[in-house]
């Protein structure tokens, strides 16, 4: 039986032809080393079920779920490099966004504002901005109201149409949203958060797939690689993600102060 595969983290509809091509390139390299995987990406399983699947062959996860529960149960393959942090391949940050029409110009001006976040276990959408707030302003609640939207795209829309004032968006997702989401023209970037290791590729069974994935990315035609923004693969190790765990622990009190749990 072949192992299942999925790339759920940046699976925007307009990118699916390119994501599918990336997967076919990876799968071809896997077959060369005797690792059999499904022909098509699985887009039916939810993320939690996917990551825990007993026949998981290849997937991508967020750094926070990786350190908080998956590490030790899955193998870390490596981390795609999208060129977000030029001197740290495979790292990324979040951009903190607000409406263009909002006269407030700095994060400090948004005390008491309404905040939108994608999910409670999101490093980029929640923990990154809360870590910034705690470092700059202390551990007390900063926003008056926090609303869960379910996705970065929905957080951006919520800010654009006035249901929220501010949000934090994964910088890779922000790049993609600017390609197709008209609402991004109504938004501005206030600042970036601190950088963290990016969203890693994982496998439930194998630990020696990094070279195959790196080759697959390198030979992917530019017609697919450029829209995805892929530069290569960082051979990340599990301990590289310790920084996310440490920062999450530091941010926990301010997240609790906002009633998010």
Protein backbone atom coordinates (compact mmCIF):
# COMPACT_ATOMS: atom_id res chain seq x y z
CA UNK A 1 0.00 0.00 0.00
CA UNK A 2 1.38 3.42 -0.92
CA UNK A 3 1.73 6.13 1.69
CA UNK A 4 -0.60 9.14 1.62
CA UNK A 5 0.67 12.62 0.86
CA UNK A 6 -0.71 16.13 1.32
CA UNK A 7 0.47 19.73 1.21
CA UNK A 8 -2.29 21.52 3.10
CA UNK A 9 -0.51 24.56 4.51
CA UNK A 10 -0.35 26.77 1.40
CA UNK A 11 -2.94 25.01 -0.75
CA UNK A 12 -4.60 28.10 -2.25
CA UNK A 13 -6.79 27.20 -5.24
CA UNK A 14 -4.89 29.39 -7.73
CA UNK A 15 -1.64 27.61 -6.80
CA UNK A 16 -2.92 24.04 -7.08
CA UNK A 17 -1.54 23.34 -10.57
CA UNK A 18 1.90 24.34 -9.29
CA UNK A 19 1.51 22.47 -6.00
CA UNK A 20 0.41 19.36 -7.90
CA UNK A 21 3.46 19.66 -10.17
CA UNK A 22 5.71 19.99 -7.12
CA UNK A 23 4.21 16.84 -5.66
CA UNK A 24 4.70 14.88 -8.88
CA UNK A 25 8.36 15.94 -8.92
CA UNK A 26 8.78 14.85 -5.29
CA UNK A 27 6.93 11.59 -5.85
CA UNK A 28 9.13 10.73 -8.83
CA UNK A 29 12.24 11.20 -6.69
CA UNK A 30 10.71 9.11 -3.90
CA UNK A 31 10.10 6.27 -6.33
CA UNK A 32 13.76 6.30 -7.32
CA UNK A 33 14.69 5.43 -3.73
CA UNK A 34 11.93 2.85 -3.34
CA UNK A 35 9.48 4.93 -1.32
CA UNK A 36 5.98 4.48 -2.75
CA UNK A 37 3.44 7.25 -2.22
CA UNK A 38 -0.01 8.09 -3.54
CA UNK A 39 -0.29 9.56 -7.00
CA UNK A 40 -2.46 12.51 -5.97
CA UNK A 41 -2.33 14.79 -2.97
CA UNK A 42 -4.96 14.07 -0.32
CA UNK A 43 -7.23 17.09 0.07
CA UNK A 44 -9.95 15.36 2.07
CA UNK A 45 -8.33 14.75 5.45
CA UNK A 46 -8.25 17.57 7.98
CA UNK A 47 -4.84 18.64 9.20
CA UNK A 48 -5.01 16.91 12.59
CA UNK A 49 -6.16 13.62 11.05
CA UNK A 50 -3.52 13.91 8.34
CA UNK A 51 -0.61 14.47 10.71
CA UNK A 52 -1.69 11.53 12.89
CA UNK A 53 -2.46 9.17 10.01
CA UNK A 54 -0.78 5.77 10.49
CA UNK A 55 0.19 5.68 6.81
CA UNK A 56 1.48 9.24 6.48
CA UNK A 57 4.14 9.42 3.81
CA UNK A 58 4.64 13.13 3.17
CA UNK A 59 3.02 16.28 4.50
CA UNK A 60 3.68 19.77 5.78
CA UNK A 61 2.85 21.13 9.20
CA UNK A 62 3.14 24.39 11.12
CA UNK A 63 6.07 24.80 13.50
CA UNK A 64 3.89 25.12 16.59
CA UNK A 65 1.94 21.85 16.17
CA UNK A 66 5.25 20.22 15.34
CA UNK A 67 6.91 21.18 18.63
CA UNK A 68 3.78 20.87 20.77
CA UNK A 69 2.72 17.39 19.75
CA UNK A 70 4.12 15.94 16.54
CA UNK A 71 7.83 15.96 17.27
CA UNK A 72 8.77 12.49 18.39
CA UNK A 73 5.89 10.94 16.44
CA UNK A 74 6.89 11.99 12.93
CA UNK A 75 10.17 12.37 11.07
CA UNK A 76 11.29 15.87 10.09
CA UNK A 77 12.35 15.83 6.43
CA UNK A 78 13.37 19.47 6.04
CA UNK A 79 11.89 22.91 5.51
CA UNK A 80 11.11 24.59 2.18
CA UNK A 81 12.92 27.86 1.62
CA UNK A 82 10.69 30.61 0.25
CA UNK A 83 13.35 33.31 0.52
CA UNK A 84 11.46 35.31 3.15
CA UNK A 85 14.53 35.85 5.36
CA UNK A 86 17.45 36.13 2.90
CA UNK A 87 20.20 35.28 5.38
CA UNK A 88 18.20 32.46 7.00
CA UNK A 89 17.01 29.99 4.34
CA UNK A 90 13.88 28.17 5.45
CA UNK A 91 12.93 30.81 8.03
CA UNK A 92 9.95 33.13 7.81
CA UNK A 93 8.02 35.72 9.79
CA UNK A 94 4.56 37.22 9.94
CA UNK A 95 3.39 40.59 8.69
CA UNK A 96 1.07 42.60 10.91
CA UNK A 97 -1.63 44.17 8.76
CA UNK A 98 -4.28 46.87 9.10
CA UNK A 99 -6.56 48.77 6.72
CA UNK A 100 -4.99 51.38 4.47
CA UNK A 101 -7.68 53.83 5.58
CA UNK A 102 -6.83 53.36 9.28
CA UNK A 103 -4.88 56.41 10.44
CA UNK A 104 -3.01 54.41 13.07
CA UNK A 105 0.54 53.80 11.90
CA UNK A 106 2.27 51.69 14.58
CA UNK A 107 1.39 48.59 16.55
CA UNK A 108 1.33 50.60 19.77
CA UNK A 109 -1.57 52.63 18.34
CA UNK A 110 -3.76 49.53 18.21
CA UNK A 111 -4.18 49.08 21.97
CA UNK A 112 -7.85 48.24 22.50
CA UNK A 113 -8.36 47.28 18.85
CA UNK A 114 -10.17 44.23 17.48
CA UNK A 115 -7.80 41.43 16.49
CA UNK A 116 -8.41 38.59 14.00
CA UNK A 117 -6.43 35.35 14.10
CA UNK A 118 -6.68 32.19 12.06
CA UNK A 119 -6.39 29.51 14.76
CA UNK A 120 -5.33 29.04 18.36
CA UNK A 121 -2.41 26.77 17.42
CA UNK A 122 -0.99 29.05 14.73
CA UNK A 123 2.55 30.31 15.16
CA UNK A 124 2.19 32.88 12.39
CA UNK A 125 -1.35 34.06 12.99
CA UNK A 126 -1.41 34.22 16.79
CA UNK A 127 1.77 33.41 18.68
CA UNK A 128 4.08 35.61 16.59
CA UNK A 129 2.14 38.81 17.25
CA UNK A 130 1.50 37.91 20.89
CA UNK A 131 5.23 37.35 21.38
CA UNK A 132 5.82 40.80 19.89
CA UNK A 133 3.23 42.38 22.19
CA UNK A 134 4.64 40.70 25.28
CA UNK A 135 8.18 41.80 24.45
CA UNK A 136 7.14 45.40 23.74
CA UNK A 137 4.23 46.07 26.09
CA UNK A 138 4.15 43.35 28.76
CA UNK A 139 1.82 40.47 29.46
CA UNK A 140 -1.53 42.22 29.99
CA UNK A 141 -4.32 41.96 27.42
CA UNK A 142 -3.63 44.43 24.61
CA UNK A 143 -6.64 43.98 22.33
CA UNK A 144 -10.27 44.55 23.35
CA UNK A 145 -11.62 41.64 21.33
CA UNK A 146 -10.14 38.63 19.52
CA UNK A 147 -11.99 36.68 16.82
CA UNK A 148 -11.02 33.36 15.29
CA UNK A 149 -11.44 33.32 11.50
CA UNK A 150 -10.21 29.86 10.53
CA UNK A 151 -7.71 30.93 7.85
CA UNK A 152 -5.21 33.66 7.01
CA UNK A 153 -7.29 34.67 4.01
CA UNK A 154 -10.35 35.11 6.21
CA UNK A 155 -8.33 37.19 8.69
CA UNK A 156 -7.23 39.49 5.85
CA UNK A 157 -10.83 39.82 4.65
CA UNK A 158 -12.03 40.57 8.19
CA UNK A 159 -9.58 43.46 8.47
CA UNK A 160 -10.37 44.74 4.99
CA UNK A 161 -14.14 44.88 5.58
CA UNK A 162 -13.91 46.31 9.10
CA UNK A 163 -14.89 43.30 11.17
CA UNK A 164 -11.42 43.49 12.70
CA UNK A 165 -8.73 46.16 12.90
CA UNK A 166 -5.53 44.14 12.84
CA UNK A 167 -4.19 40.66 12.09
CA UNK A 168 -0.93 38.76 11.67
CA UNK A 169 -0.41 36.86 8.43
CA UNK A 170 2.25 34.30 7.54
CA UNK A 171 4.60 36.15 5.16
CA UNK A 172 4.41 33.33 2.60
CA UNK A 173 0.61 33.39 2.72
CA UNK A 174 0.69 37.19 2.43
CA UNK A 175 2.78 36.91 -0.73
CA UNK A 176 0.27 34.47 -2.19
CA UNK A 177 -2.78 36.50 -1.12
CA UNK A 178 -1.40 39.54 -2.89
CA UNK A 179 -1.45 37.54 -6.12
CA UNK A 180 -5.20 36.96 -6.19
CA UNK A 181 -7.11 38.54 -3.30
CA UNK A 182 -8.42 42.04 -4.19
CA UNK A 183 -8.89 42.91 -0.53
CA UNK A 184 -5.11 43.04 -0.02
CA UNK A 185 -5.12 46.38 -1.89
CA UNK A 186 -7.11 47.79 1.02
CA UNK A 187 -4.48 46.66 3.54
CA UNK A 188 -1.11 47.90 4.76
CA UNK A 189 1.76 46.24 6.60
CA UNK A 190 2.55 47.84 9.95
CA UNK A 191 5.62 45.73 10.71
CA UNK A 192 7.07 42.23 10.62
CA UNK A 193 7.42 39.93 13.60
CA UNK A 194 10.58 38.14 14.67
CA UNK A 195 11.69 35.34 12.36
CA UNK A 196 11.16 31.65 13.12
CA UNK A 197 11.89 28.36 11.36
CA UNK A 198 9.36 27.82 8.58
CA UNK A 199 6.69 25.18 8.07
CA UNK A 200 8.47 21.81 7.88
CA UNK A 201 7.90 18.81 5.67
CA UNK A 202 7.27 15.65 7.70
CA UNK A 203 6.78 11.92 7.21
CA UNK A 204 5.23 9.33 9.47
CA UNK A 205 7.64 6.60 8.42
CA UNK A 206 10.78 7.82 6.73
CA UNK A 207 13.65 9.99 7.95
CA UNK A 208 15.92 9.94 4.89
CA UNK A 209 13.85 11.80 2.32
CA UNK A 210 15.52 15.21 2.41
CA UNK A 211 17.85 14.69 -0.55
CA UNK A 212 14.99 13.45 -2.72
CA UNK A 213 12.85 16.47 -1.86
CA UNK A 214 15.76 18.84 -2.43
CA UNK A 215 16.38 17.34 -5.87
CA UNK A 216 12.68 17.50 -6.73
CA UNK A 217 12.56 21.21 -5.92
CA UNK A 218 15.76 21.93 -7.82
CA UNK A 219 14.52 20.30 -11.04
CA UNK A 220 10.97 21.69 -10.85
CA UNK A 221 10.43 23.90 -13.91
CA UNK A 222 10.43 27.63 -13.26
CA UNK A 223 6.88 27.81 -14.58
CA UNK A 224 5.89 26.10 -11.31
CA UNK A 225 8.73 27.06 -9.00
CA UNK A 226 8.41 30.83 -9.47
CA UNK A 227 4.67 31.07 -8.65
CA UNK A 228 5.33 28.99 -5.53
CA UNK A 229 8.32 31.17 -4.63
CA UNK A 230 10.40 28.07 -3.84
CA UNK A 231 14.16 28.54 -3.56
CA UNK A 232 15.21 25.16 -2.19
CA UNK A 233 15.16 23.02 0.94
CA UNK A 234 16.70 23.75 4.32
CA UNK A 235 17.97 20.56 5.98
CA UNK A 236 16.41 21.49 9.30
CA UNK A 237 16.80 19.34 12.40
CA UNK A 238 14.25 18.83 15.18
CA UNK A 239 16.27 20.95 17.62
CA UNK A 240 16.12 23.90 15.21
CA UNK A 241 12.48 24.25 16.24
CA UNK A 242 13.24 24.61 19.95
CA UNK A 243 13.05 28.39 19.53
CA UNK A 244 9.36 28.13 18.66
CA UNK A 245 8.73 26.07 21.78
CA UNK A 246 10.57 28.58 24.00
CA UNK A 247 8.78 31.56 22.50
CA UNK A 248 5.40 29.84 22.79
CA UNK A 249 5.99 29.28 26.50
CA UNK A 250 6.82 32.96 26.96
CA UNK A 251 3.72 34.04 25.04
CA UNK A 252 1.29 31.74 26.84
CA UNK A 253 0.38 34.24 29.61
CA UNK A 254 -0.59 37.06 27.22
CA UNK A 255 -2.59 34.67 25.05
CA UNK A 256 -4.43 33.49 28.16
CA UNK A 257 -5.00 37.13 29.16
CA UNK A 258 -6.88 37.58 25.88
CA UNK A 259 -9.12 34.61 26.67
CA UNK A 260 -7.74 32.46 23.84
CA UNK A 261 -7.28 28.81 24.66
